[in-house]
PDB file of N, CA and C in Angstrom:
ATOM      1  N   MET A   1     132.667 117.384 166.533  1.00  0.00           N
ATOM      2  CA  MET A   1     131.416 116.872 167.064  1.00  0.00           C
ATOM      3  C   MET A   1     130.242 117.544 166.344  1.00  0.00           C
ATOM      4  N   PRO A   2     129.358 116.781 165.725  1.00  0.00           N
ATOM      5  CA  PRO A   2     128.222 117.377 165.015  1.00  0.00           C
ATOM      6  C   PRO A   2     127.299 118.123 165.974  1.00  0.00           C
ATOM      7  N   GLN A   3     126.553 119.078 165.435  1.00  0.00           N
ATOM      8  CA  GLN A   3     125.638 119.910 166.225  1.00  0.00           C
ATOM      9  C   GLN A   3     124.602 119.064 166.966  1.00  0.00           C
ATOM     10  N   GLN A   4     124.129 117.964 166.382  1.00  0.00           N
ATOM     11  CA  GLN A   4     123.103 117.145 167.002  1.00  0.00           C
ATOM     12  C   GLN A   4     123.609 116.434 168.262  1.00  0.00           C
ATOM     13  N   ASP A   5     124.912 116.194 168.371  1.00  0.00           N
ATOM     14  CA  ASP A   5     125.462 115.457 169.504  1.00  0.00           C
ATOM     15  C   ASP A   5     125.668 116.343 170.734  1.00  0.00           C
ATOM     16  N   LYS A   6     125.673 117.645 170.577  1.00  0.00           N
ATOM     17  CA  LYS A   6     125.869 118.540 171.719  1.00  0.00           C
ATOM     18  C   LYS A   6     124.616 118.549 172.582  1.00  0.00           C
ATOM     19  N   LYS A   7     124.836 118.648 173.881  1.00  0.00           N
ATOM     20  CA  LYS A   7     123.700 118.735 174.798  1.00  0.00           C
ATOM     21  C   LYS A   7     123.079 120.116 174.666  1.00  0.00           C
ATOM     22  N   ARG A   8     121.778 120.149 174.496  1.00  0.00           N
ATOM     23  CA  ARG A   8     121.062 121.407 174.332  1.00  0.00           C
ATOM     24  C   ARG A   8     120.388 121.771 175.648  1.00  0.00           C
ATOM     25  N   ARG A   9     120.409 123.058 175.969  1.00  0.00           N
ATOM     26  CA  ARG A   9     119.802 123.533 177.205  1.00  0.00           C
ATOM     27  C   ARG A   9     118.318 123.782 176.986  1.00  0.00           C
ATOM     28  N   ALA A  10     117.523 123.301 177.905  1.00  0.00           N
ATOM     29  CA  ALA A  10     116.083 123.519 177.822  1.00  0.00           C
ATOM     30  C   ALA A  10     115.752 124.940 178.232  1.00  0.00           C
ATOM     31  N   ALA A  11     114.720 125.482 177.621  1.00  0.00           N
ATOM     32  CA  ALA A  11     114.232 126.804 177.995  1.00  0.00           C
ATOM     33  C   ALA A  11     113.566 126.714 179.361  1.00  0.00           C
ATOM     34  N   GLN A  12     113.578 127.812 180.116  1.00  0.00           N
ATOM     35  CA  GLN A  12     112.975 127.841 181.442  1.00  0.00           C
ATOM     36  C   GLN A  12     111.648 128.593 181.393  1.00  0.00           C
ATOM     37  N   ILE A  13     110.689 128.098 182.144  1.00  0.00           N
ATOM     38  CA  ILE A  13     109.413 128.780 182.307  1.00  0.00           C
ATOM     39  C   ILE A  13     109.203 128.965 183.797  1.00  0.00           C
ATOM     40  N   PRO A  14     109.116 130.216 184.252  1.00  0.00           N
ATOM     41  CA  PRO A  14     109.003 130.458 185.697  1.00  0.00           C
ATOM     42  C   PRO A  14     107.613 130.117 186.223  1.00  0.00           C
ATOM     43  N   SER A  15     107.547 129.786 187.491  1.00  0.00           N
ATOM     44  CA  SER A  15     106.242 129.637 188.108  1.00  0.00           C
ATOM     45  C   SER A  15     105.829 131.022 188.572  1.00  0.00           C
ATOM     46  N   GLY A  16     104.641 131.403 188.279  1.00  0.00           N
ATOM     47  CA  GLY A  16     104.192 132.749 188.631  1.00  0.00           C
ATOM     48  C   GLY A  16     104.113 133.611 187.400  1.00  0.00           C
ATOM     49  N   SER A  17     104.884 134.680 187.369  1.00  0.00           N
ATOM     50  CA  SER A  17     104.820 135.599 186.236  1.00  0.00           C
ATOM     51  C   SER A  17     106.198 135.783 185.606  1.00  0.00           C
ATOM     52  N   TRP A  18     106.192 136.311 184.390  1.00  0.00           N
ATOM     53  CA  TRP A  18     107.440 136.548 183.674  1.00  0.00           C
ATOM     54  C   TRP A  18     108.075 137.831 184.178  1.00  0.00           C
ATOM     55  N   PRO A  19     109.372 137.812 184.464  1.00  0.00           N
ATOM     56  CA  PRO A  19     110.037 139.039 184.922  1.00  0.00           C
ATOM     57  C   PRO A  19     110.214 140.011 183.751  1.00  0.00           C
ATOM     58  N   PRO A  20     110.405 141.289 184.030  1.00  0.00           N
ATOM     59  CA  PRO A  20     110.575 142.265 182.952  1.00  0.00           C
ATOM     60  C   PRO A  20     111.919 142.142 182.235  1.00  0.00           C
ATOM     61  N   ARG A  21     112.894 141.517 182.875  1.00  0.00           N
ATOM     62  CA  ARG A  21     114.240 141.365 182.312  1.00  0.00           C
ATOM     63  C   ARG A  21     114.642 139.905 182.463  1.00  0.00           C
ATOM     64  N   MET A  22     115.081 139.257 181.356  1.00  0.00           N
ATOM     65  CA  MET A  22     115.335 137.815 181.373  1.00  0.00           C
ATOM     66  C   MET A  22     116.660 137.470 180.710  1.00  0.00           C
ATOM     67  N   MET A  23     117.307 136.436 181.248  1.00  0.00           N
ATOM     68  CA  MET A  23     118.494 135.884 180.595  1.00  0.00           C
ATOM     69  C   MET A  23     118.024 134.943 179.481  1.00  0.00           C
ATOM     70  N   ALA A  24     118.942 134.427 178.700  1.00  0.00           N
ATOM     71  CA  ALA A  24     118.604 133.662 177.504  1.00  0.00           C
ATOM     72  C   ALA A  24     117.709 132.456 177.785  1.00  0.00           C
ATOM     73  N   GLU A  25     117.954 131.725 178.874  1.00  0.00           N
ATOM     74  CA  GLU A  25     117.159 130.532 179.162  1.00  0.00           C
ATOM     75  C   GLU A  25     115.685 130.880 179.369  1.00  0.00           C
ATOM     76  N   MET A  26     115.438 131.951 180.077  1.00  0.00           N
ATOM     77  CA  MET A  26     114.063 132.341 180.347  1.00  0.00           C
ATOM     78  C   MET A  26     113.438 133.042 179.137  1.00  0.00           C
ATOM     79  N   ALA A  27     114.213 133.859 178.440  1.00  0.00           N
ATOM     80  CA  ALA A  27     113.705 134.533 177.239  1.00  0.00           C
ATOM     81  C   ALA A  27     113.301 133.509 176.189  1.00  0.00           C
ATOM     82  N   ALA A  28     114.055 132.422 176.078  1.00  0.00           N
ATOM     83  CA  ALA A  28     113.711 131.359 175.131  1.00  0.00           C
ATOM     84  C   ALA A  28     112.365 130.739 175.489  1.00  0.00           C
ATOM     85  N   GLY A  29     112.138 130.494 176.762  1.00  0.00           N
ATOM     86  CA  GLY A  29     110.857 129.962 177.199  1.00  0.00           C
ATOM     87  C   GLY A  29     109.731 130.945 176.951  1.00  0.00           C
ATOM     88  N   TYR A  30     109.987 132.230 177.151  1.00  0.00           N
ATOM     89  CA  TYR A  30     108.959 133.258 176.972  1.00  0.00           C
ATOM     90  C   TYR A  30     108.455 133.315 175.537  1.00  0.00           C
ATOM     91  N   VAL A  31     109.373 133.194 174.584  1.00  0.00           N
ATOM     92  CA  VAL A  31     108.963 133.283 173.180  1.00  0.00           C
ATOM     93  C   VAL A  31     108.520 131.937 172.616  1.00  0.00           C
ATOM     94  N   GLY A  32     108.592 130.877 173.432  1.00  0.00           N
ATOM     95  CA  GLY A  32     108.088 129.583 173.004  1.00  0.00           C
ATOM     96  C   GLY A  32     109.101 128.665 172.348  1.00  0.00           C
ATOM     97  N   GLU A  33     110.368 129.001 172.459  1.00  0.00           N
ATOM     98  CA  GLU A  33     111.405 128.120 171.915  1.00  0.00           C
ATOM     99  C   GLU A  33     111.645 126.981 172.891  1.00  0.00           C
ATOM    100  N   LYS A  34     111.877 125.801 172.375  1.00  0.00           N
ATOM    101  CA  LYS A  34     112.106 124.640 173.225  1.00  0.00           C
ATOM    102  C   LYS A  34     113.520 124.633 173.799  1.00  0.00           C
ATOM    103  N   HIS A  35     114.481 125.123 173.009  1.00  0.00           N
ATOM    104  CA  HIS A  35     115.884 125.118 173.437  1.00  0.00           C
ATOM    105  C   HIS A  35     116.484 126.516 173.334  1.00  0.00           C
ATOM    106  N   VAL A  36     117.392 126.803 174.224  1.00  0.00           N
ATOM    107  CA  VAL A  36     118.070 128.095 174.256  1.00  0.00           C
ATOM    108  C   VAL A  36     118.829 128.333 172.959  1.00  0.00           C
ATOM    109  N   GLU A  37     119.447 127.297 172.455  1.00  0.00           N
ATOM    110  CA  GLU A  37     120.235 127.435 171.224  1.00  0.00           C
ATOM    111  C   GLU A  37     119.366 127.856 170.042  1.00  0.00           C
ATOM    112  N   ASP A  38     118.122 127.367 169.980  1.00  0.00           N
ATOM    113  CA  ASP A  38     117.201 127.784 168.912  1.00  0.00           C
ATOM    114  C   ASP A  38     116.909 129.275 169.025  1.00  0.00           C
ATOM    115  N   PHE A  39     116.696 129.746 170.255  1.00  0.00           N
ATOM    116  CA  PHE A  39     116.462 131.166 170.496  1.00  0.00           C
ATOM    117  C   PHE A  39     117.677 131.989 170.063  1.00  0.00           C
ATOM    118  N   LEU A  40     118.866 131.568 170.487  1.00  0.00           N
ATOM    119  CA  LEU A  40     120.080 132.323 170.181  1.00  0.00           C
ATOM    120  C   LEU A  40     120.367 132.378 168.682  1.00  0.00           C
ATOM    121  N   GLU A  41     120.007 131.329 167.946  1.00  0.00           N
ATOM    122  CA  GLU A  41     120.203 131.315 166.491  1.00  0.00           C
ATOM    123  C   GLU A  41     119.329 132.347 165.793  1.00  0.00           C
ATOM    124  N   ARG A  42     118.212 132.707 166.394  1.00  0.00           N
ATOM    125  CA  ARG A  42     117.259 133.639 165.777  1.00  0.00           C
ATOM    126  C   ARG A  42     117.424 135.081 166.256  1.00  0.00           C
ATOM    127  N   ILE A  43     118.438 135.336 167.080  1.00  0.00           N
ATOM    128  CA  ILE A  43     118.713 136.700 167.536  1.00  0.00           C
ATOM    129  C   ILE A  43     119.158 137.522 166.337  1.00  0.00           C
ATOM    130  N   GLY A  44     118.569 138.700 166.188  1.00  0.00           N
ATOM    131  CA  GLY A  44     118.881 139.570 165.053  1.00  0.00           C
ATOM    132  C   GLY A  44     118.018 139.287 163.845  1.00  0.00           C
ATOM    133  N   LYS A  45     117.264 138.186 163.868  1.00  0.00           N
ATOM    134  CA  LYS A  45     116.346 137.841 162.769  1.00  0.00           C
ATOM    135  C   LYS A  45     114.916 137.965 163.282  1.00  0.00           C
ATOM    136  N   ALA A  46     114.492 137.019 164.092  1.00  0.00           N
ATOM    137  CA  ALA A  46     113.141 137.032 164.635  1.00  0.00           C
ATOM    138  C   ALA A  46     113.082 137.714 165.999  1.00  0.00           C
ATOM    139  N   TYR A  47     114.180 137.680 166.718  1.00  0.00           N
ATOM    140  CA  TYR A  47     114.221 138.235 168.075  1.00  0.00           C
ATOM    141  C   TYR A  47     115.276 139.331 168.164  1.00  0.00           C
ATOM    142  N   PRO A  48     115.075 140.307 169.063  1.00  0.00           N
ATOM    143  CA  PRO A  48     116.019 141.426 169.171  1.00  0.00           C
ATOM    144  C   PRO A  48     117.314 141.049 169.883  1.00  0.00           C
ATOM    145  N   GLN A  49     118.301 141.902 169.714  1.00  0.00           N
ATOM    146  CA  GLN A  49     119.546 141.768 170.461  1.00  0.00           C
ATOM    147  C   GLN A  49     119.241 142.037 171.934  1.00  0.00           C
ATOM    148  N   PRO A  50     120.030 141.515 172.852  1.00  0.00           N
ATOM    149  CA  PRO A  50     119.791 141.817 174.265  1.00  0.00           C
ATOM    150  C   PRO A  50     119.981 143.312 174.510  1.00  0.00           C
ATOM    151  N   ARG A  51     119.166 143.859 175.403  1.00  0.00           N
ATOM    152  CA  ARG A  51     119.274 145.287 175.707  1.00  0.00           C
ATOM    153  C   ARG A  51     120.429 145.561 176.664  1.00  0.00           C
ATOM    154  N   VAL A  52     120.707 144.623 177.554  1.00  0.00           N
ATOM    155  CA  VAL A  52     121.781 144.796 178.533  1.00  0.00           C
ATOM    156  C   VAL A  52     122.789 143.664 178.357  1.00  0.00           C
ATOM    157  N   VAL A  53     124.055 144.021 178.180  1.00  0.00           N
ATOM    158  CA  VAL A  53     125.137 143.037 178.074  1.00  0.00           C
ATOM    159  C   VAL A  53     126.162 143.370 179.146  1.00  0.00           C
ATOM    160  N   GLU A  54     126.263 142.499 180.134  1.00  0.00           N
ATOM    161  CA  GLU A  54     127.196 142.720 181.245  1.00  0.00           C
ATOM    162  C   GLU A  54     128.419 141.819 181.146  1.00  0.00           C
ATOM    163  N   GLY A  55     128.566 141.133 180.057  1.00  0.00           N
ATOM    164  CA  GLY A  55     129.684 140.225 179.855  1.00  0.00           C
ATOM    165  C   GLY A  55     129.265 139.174 178.841  1.00  0.00           C
ATOM    166  N   PRO A  56     130.183 138.268 178.507  1.00  0.00           N
ATOM    167  CA  PRO A  56     129.846 137.269 177.486  1.00  0.00           C
ATOM    168  C   PRO A  56     128.724 136.314 177.898  1.00  0.00           C
ATOM    169  N   ARG A  57     128.536 136.084 179.195  1.00  0.00           N
ATOM    170  CA  ARG A  57     127.498 135.144 179.640  1.00  0.00           C
ATOM    171  C   ARG A  57     126.308 135.834 180.296  1.00  0.00           C
ATOM    172  N   ARG A  58     126.417 137.140 180.586  1.00  0.00           N
ATOM    173  CA  ARG A  58     125.320 137.865 181.244  1.00  0.00           C
ATOM    174  C   ARG A  58     124.698 138.846 180.266  1.00  0.00           C
ATOM    175  N   LYS A  59     123.672 138.356 179.571  1.00  0.00           N
ATOM    176  CA  LYS A  59     122.933 139.174 178.612  1.00  0.00           C
ATOM    177  C   LYS A  59     121.466 139.132 179.011  1.00  0.00           C
ATOM    178  N   PHE A  60     120.810 140.282 178.921  1.00  0.00           N
ATOM    179  CA  PHE A  60     119.417 140.369 179.337  1.00  0.00           C
ATOM    180  C   PHE A  60     118.537 140.907 178.221  1.00  0.00           C
ATOM    181  N   TRP A  61     117.415 140.233 178.013  1.00  0.00           N
ATOM    182  CA  TRP A  61     116.386 140.675 177.083  1.00  0.00           C
ATOM    183  C   TRP A  61     115.242 141.232 177.902  1.00  0.00           C
ATOM    184  N   TYR A  62     114.646 142.312 177.432  1.00  0.00           N
ATOM    185  CA  TYR A  62     113.498 142.900 178.112  1.00  0.00           C
ATOM    186  C   TYR A  62     112.220 142.312 177.524  1.00  0.00           C
ATOM    187  N   ARG A  63     111.275 142.018 178.396  1.00  0.00           N
ATOM    188  CA  ARG A  63     110.002 141.414 177.990  1.00  0.00           C
ATOM    189  C   ARG A  63     109.311 142.272 176.938  1.00  0.00           C
ATOM    190  N   GLU A  64     109.324 143.591 177.093  1.00  0.00           N
ATOM    191  CA  GLU A  64     108.632 144.452 176.127  1.00  0.00           C
ATOM    192  C   GLU A  64     109.291 144.377 174.745  1.00  0.00           C
ATOM    193  N   ASP A  65     110.614 144.197 174.677  1.00  0.00           N
ATOM    194  CA  ASP A  65     111.297 144.044 173.386  1.00  0.00           C
ATOM    195  C   ASP A  65     110.878 142.739 172.715  1.00  0.00           C
ATOM    196  N   LEU A  66     110.769 141.665 173.510  1.00  0.00           N
ATOM    197  CA  LEU A  66     110.346 140.377 172.957  1.00  0.00           C
ATOM    198  C   LEU A  66     108.889 140.434 172.508  1.00  0.00           C
ATOM    199  N   ASP A  67     108.048 141.150 173.270  1.00  0.00           N
ATOM    200  CA  ASP A  67     106.648 141.322 172.873  1.00  0.00           C
ATOM    201  C   ASP A  67     106.551 142.028 171.528  1.00  0.00           C
ATOM    202  N   LYS A  68     107.347 143.078 171.347  1.00  0.00           N
ATOM    203  CA  LYS A  68     107.341 143.815 170.083  1.00  0.00           C
ATOM    204  C   LYS A  68     107.775 142.909 168.930  1.00  0.00           C
ATOM    205  N   ALA A  69     108.776 142.081 169.178  1.00  0.00           N
ATOM    206  CA  ALA A  69     109.271 141.179 168.137  1.00  0.00           C
ATOM    207  C   ALA A  69     108.208 140.162 167.722  1.00  0.00           C
ATOM    208  N   MET A  70     107.343 139.800 168.671  1.00  0.00           N
ATOM    209  CA  MET A  70     106.284 138.822 168.375  1.00  0.00           C
ATOM    210  C   MET A  70     104.957 139.505 168.046  1.00  0.00           C
ATOM    211  N   ASN A  71     104.996 140.826 167.827  1.00  0.00           N
ATOM    212  CA  ASN A  71     103.802 141.613 167.511  1.00  0.00           C
ATOM    213  C   ASN A  71     102.723 141.487 168.576  1.00  0.00           C
ATOM    214  N   MET A  72     103.138 141.390 169.824  1.00  0.00           N
ATOM    215  CA  MET A  72     102.174 141.300 170.916  1.00  0.00           C
ATOM    216  C   MET A  72     101.966 142.656 171.575  1.00  0.00           C
ATOM    217  N   ALA A  73     102.830 143.597 171.331  1.00  0.00           N
ATOM    218  CA  ALA A  73     102.738 144.901 171.974  1.00  0.00           C
ATOM    219  C   ALA A  73     102.481 145.965 170.914  1.00  0.00           C
ATOM    220  N   LEU A  74     101.327 145.920 170.307  1.00  0.00           N
ATOM    221  CA  LEU A  74     100.992 146.898 169.284  1.00  0.00           C
ATOM    222  C   LEU A  74     100.536 148.195 169.946  1.00  0.00           C
ATOM    223  N   PRO A  75     101.064 149.339 169.529  1.00  0.00           N
ATOM    224  CA  PRO A  75     100.694 150.589 170.172  1.00  0.00           C
ATOM    225  C   PRO A  75      99.229 150.956 169.982  1.00  0.00           C
ATOM    226  N   SER A  76      98.591 150.491 168.926  1.00  0.00           N
ATOM    227  CA  SER A  76      97.205 150.857 168.661  1.00  0.00           C
ATOM    228  C   SER A  76      96.207 150.039 169.478  1.00  0.00           C
ATOM    229  N   SER A  77      96.630 148.909 170.008  1.00  0.00           N
ATOM    230  CA  SER A  77      95.700 148.087 170.775  1.00  0.00           C
ATOM    231  C   SER A  77      95.799 148.423 172.255  1.00  0.00           C
ATOM    232  N   PRO A  78      94.647 148.591 172.938  1.00  0.00           N
ATOM    233  CA  PRO A  78      94.699 148.914 174.361  1.00  0.00           C
ATOM    234  C   PRO A  78      95.238 147.744 175.171  1.00  0.00           C
ATOM    235  N   ARG A  79      95.912 148.046 176.240  1.00  0.00           N
ATOM    236  CA  ARG A  79      96.447 147.010 177.117  1.00  0.00           C
ATOM    237  C   ARG A  79      95.327 146.388 177.922  1.00  0.00           C
ATOM    238  N   LEU A  80      95.600 145.265 178.518  1.00  0.00           N
ATOM    239  CA  LEU A  80      94.602 144.534 179.280  1.00  0.00           C
ATOM    240  C   LEU A  80      94.032 145.375 180.414  1.00  0.00           C
ATOM    241  N   ALA A  81      94.876 146.111 181.129  1.00  0.00           N
ATOM    242  CA  ALA A  81      94.389 146.935 182.236  1.00  0.00           C
ATOM    243  C   ALA A  81      93.430 148.008 181.736  1.00  0.00           C
ATOM    244  N   GLU A  82      93.732 148.592 180.582  1.00  0.00           N
ATOM    245  CA  GLU A  82      92.846 149.611 180.023  1.00  0.00           C
ATOM    246  C   GLU A  82      91.511 149.012 179.617  1.00  0.00           C
ATOM    247  N   LYS A  83      91.533 147.819 179.041  1.00  0.00           N
ATOM    248  CA  LYS A  83      90.293 147.140 178.669  1.00  0.00           C
ATOM    249  C   LYS A  83      89.463 146.834 179.912  1.00  0.00           C
ATOM    250  N   PHE A  84      90.128 146.394 180.962  1.00  0.00           N
ATOM    251  CA  PHE A  84      89.449 146.062 182.213  1.00  0.00           C
ATOM    252  C   PHE A  84      88.802 147.307 182.816  1.00  0.00           C
ATOM    253  N   GLN A  85      89.538 148.405 182.840  1.00  0.00           N
ATOM    254  CA  GLN A  85      89.001 149.654 183.384  1.00  0.00           C
ATOM    255  C   GLN A  85      87.817 150.148 182.556  1.00  0.00           C
ATOM    256  N   ALA A  86      87.898 150.044 181.242  1.00  0.00           N
ATOM    257  CA  ALA A  86      86.791 150.470 180.381  1.00  0.00           C
ATOM    258  C   ALA A  86      85.551 149.624 180.647  1.00  0.00           C
ATOM    259  N   LYS A  87      85.738 148.332 180.862  1.00  0.00           N
ATOM    260  CA  LYS A  87      84.611 147.443 181.150  1.00  0.00           C
ATOM    261  C   LYS A  87      83.953 147.803 182.479  1.00  0.00           C
ATOM    262  N   ILE A  88      84.738 148.161 183.487  1.00  0.00           N
ATOM    263  CA  ILE A  88      84.190 148.574 184.784  1.00  0.00           C
ATOM    264  C   ILE A  88      83.358 149.842 184.625  1.00  0.00           C
ATOM    265  N   VAL A  89      83.880 150.821 183.887  1.00  0.00           N
ATOM    266  CA  VAL A  89      83.148 152.066 183.652  1.00  0.00           C
ATOM    267  C   VAL A  89      81.836 151.771 182.931  1.00  0.00           C
ATOM    268  N   GLU A  90      81.874 150.892 181.952  1.00  0.00           N
ATOM    269  CA  GLU A  90      80.684 150.519 181.191  1.00  0.00           C
ATOM    270  C   GLU A  90      79.627 149.874 182.103  1.00  0.00           C
ATOM    271  N   ARG A  91      80.048 148.969 182.959  1.00  0.00           N
ATOM    272  CA  ARG A  91      79.107 148.299 183.860  1.00  0.00           C
ATOM    273  C   ARG A  91      78.508 149.262 184.884  1.00  0.00           C
ATOM    274  N   ARG A  92      79.335 150.170 185.399  1.00  0.00           N
ATOM    275  CA  ARG A  92      78.816 151.156 186.351  1.00  0.00           C
ATOM    276  C   ARG A  92      77.779 152.056 185.691  1.00  0.00           C
ATOM    277  N   ALA A  93      78.038 152.472 184.475  1.00  0.00           N
ATOM    278  CA  ALA A  93      77.088 153.316 183.744  1.00  0.00           C
ATOM    279  C   ALA A  93      75.780 152.565 183.511  1.00  0.00           C
ATOM    280  N   ALA A  94      75.854 151.284 183.205  1.00  0.00           N
ATOM    281  CA  ALA A  94      74.643 150.479 182.994  1.00  0.00           C
ATOM    282  C   ALA A  94      73.846 150.361 184.290  1.00  0.00           C
ATOM    283  N   ARG A  95      74.529 150.185 185.422  1.00  0.00           N
ATOM    284  CA  ARG A  95      73.848 150.107 186.722  1.00  0.00           C
ATOM    285  C   ARG A  95      73.148 151.425 187.054  1.00  0.00           C
ATOM    286  N   ARG A  96      73.834 152.525 186.824  1.00  0.00           N
ATOM    287  CA  ARG A  96      73.242 153.845 187.093  1.00  0.00           C
ATOM    288  C   ARG A  96      72.002 154.065 186.238  1.00  0.00           C
ATOM    289  N   ALA A  97      72.068 153.629 184.985  1.00  0.00           N
ATOM    290  CA  ALA A  97      70.918 153.797 184.089  1.00  0.00           C
ATOM    291  C   ALA A  97      69.731 152.969 184.588  1.00  0.00           C
ATOM    292  N   ARG A  98      69.986 151.769 185.097  1.00  0.00           N
ATOM    293  CA  ARG A  98      68.900 150.924 185.622  1.00  0.00           C
ATOM    294  C   ARG A  98      68.289 151.522 186.879  1.00  0.00           C
ATOM    295  N   VAL A  99      69.126 152.096 187.746  1.00  0.00           N
ATOM    296  CA  VAL A  99      68.638 152.676 189.006  1.00  0.00           C
ATOM    297  C   VAL A  99      67.757 153.893 188.714  1.00  0.00           C
ATOM    298  N   LYS A 100      68.149 154.730 187.747  1.00  0.00           N
ATOM    299  CA  LYS A 100      67.388 155.925 187.396  1.00  0.00           C
ATOM    300  C   LYS A 100      66.065 155.579 186.701  1.00  0.00           C
ATOM    301  N   ALA A 101      66.008 154.444 186.043  1.00  0.00           N
ATOM    302  CA  ALA A 101      64.802 154.075 185.282  1.00  0.00           C
ATOM    303  C   ALA A 101      63.678 153.588 186.125  1.00  0.00           C
TER     304      ALA A 101
END
């Protein structure tokens, strides 16, 4: 049976937020792959090996590993929470300066 005739599994996208640990269907959706098989073909090339393997069908990828593979988790760039906190400090300082003036 040719590869095109096999039924391909769609990637899953959760409602809400992405969990820190994902099976292949959800990890494929996280990285933007349309099908799980496309994601699995790129393991070891574009995407990392699963961090946890509990059997042939239970493999888990960690969100932070996938972020690193997609260059989304750069150590030199501040995280969103840090940027948000810095902005709050900046606004408070501006308010204090206006009150004193």
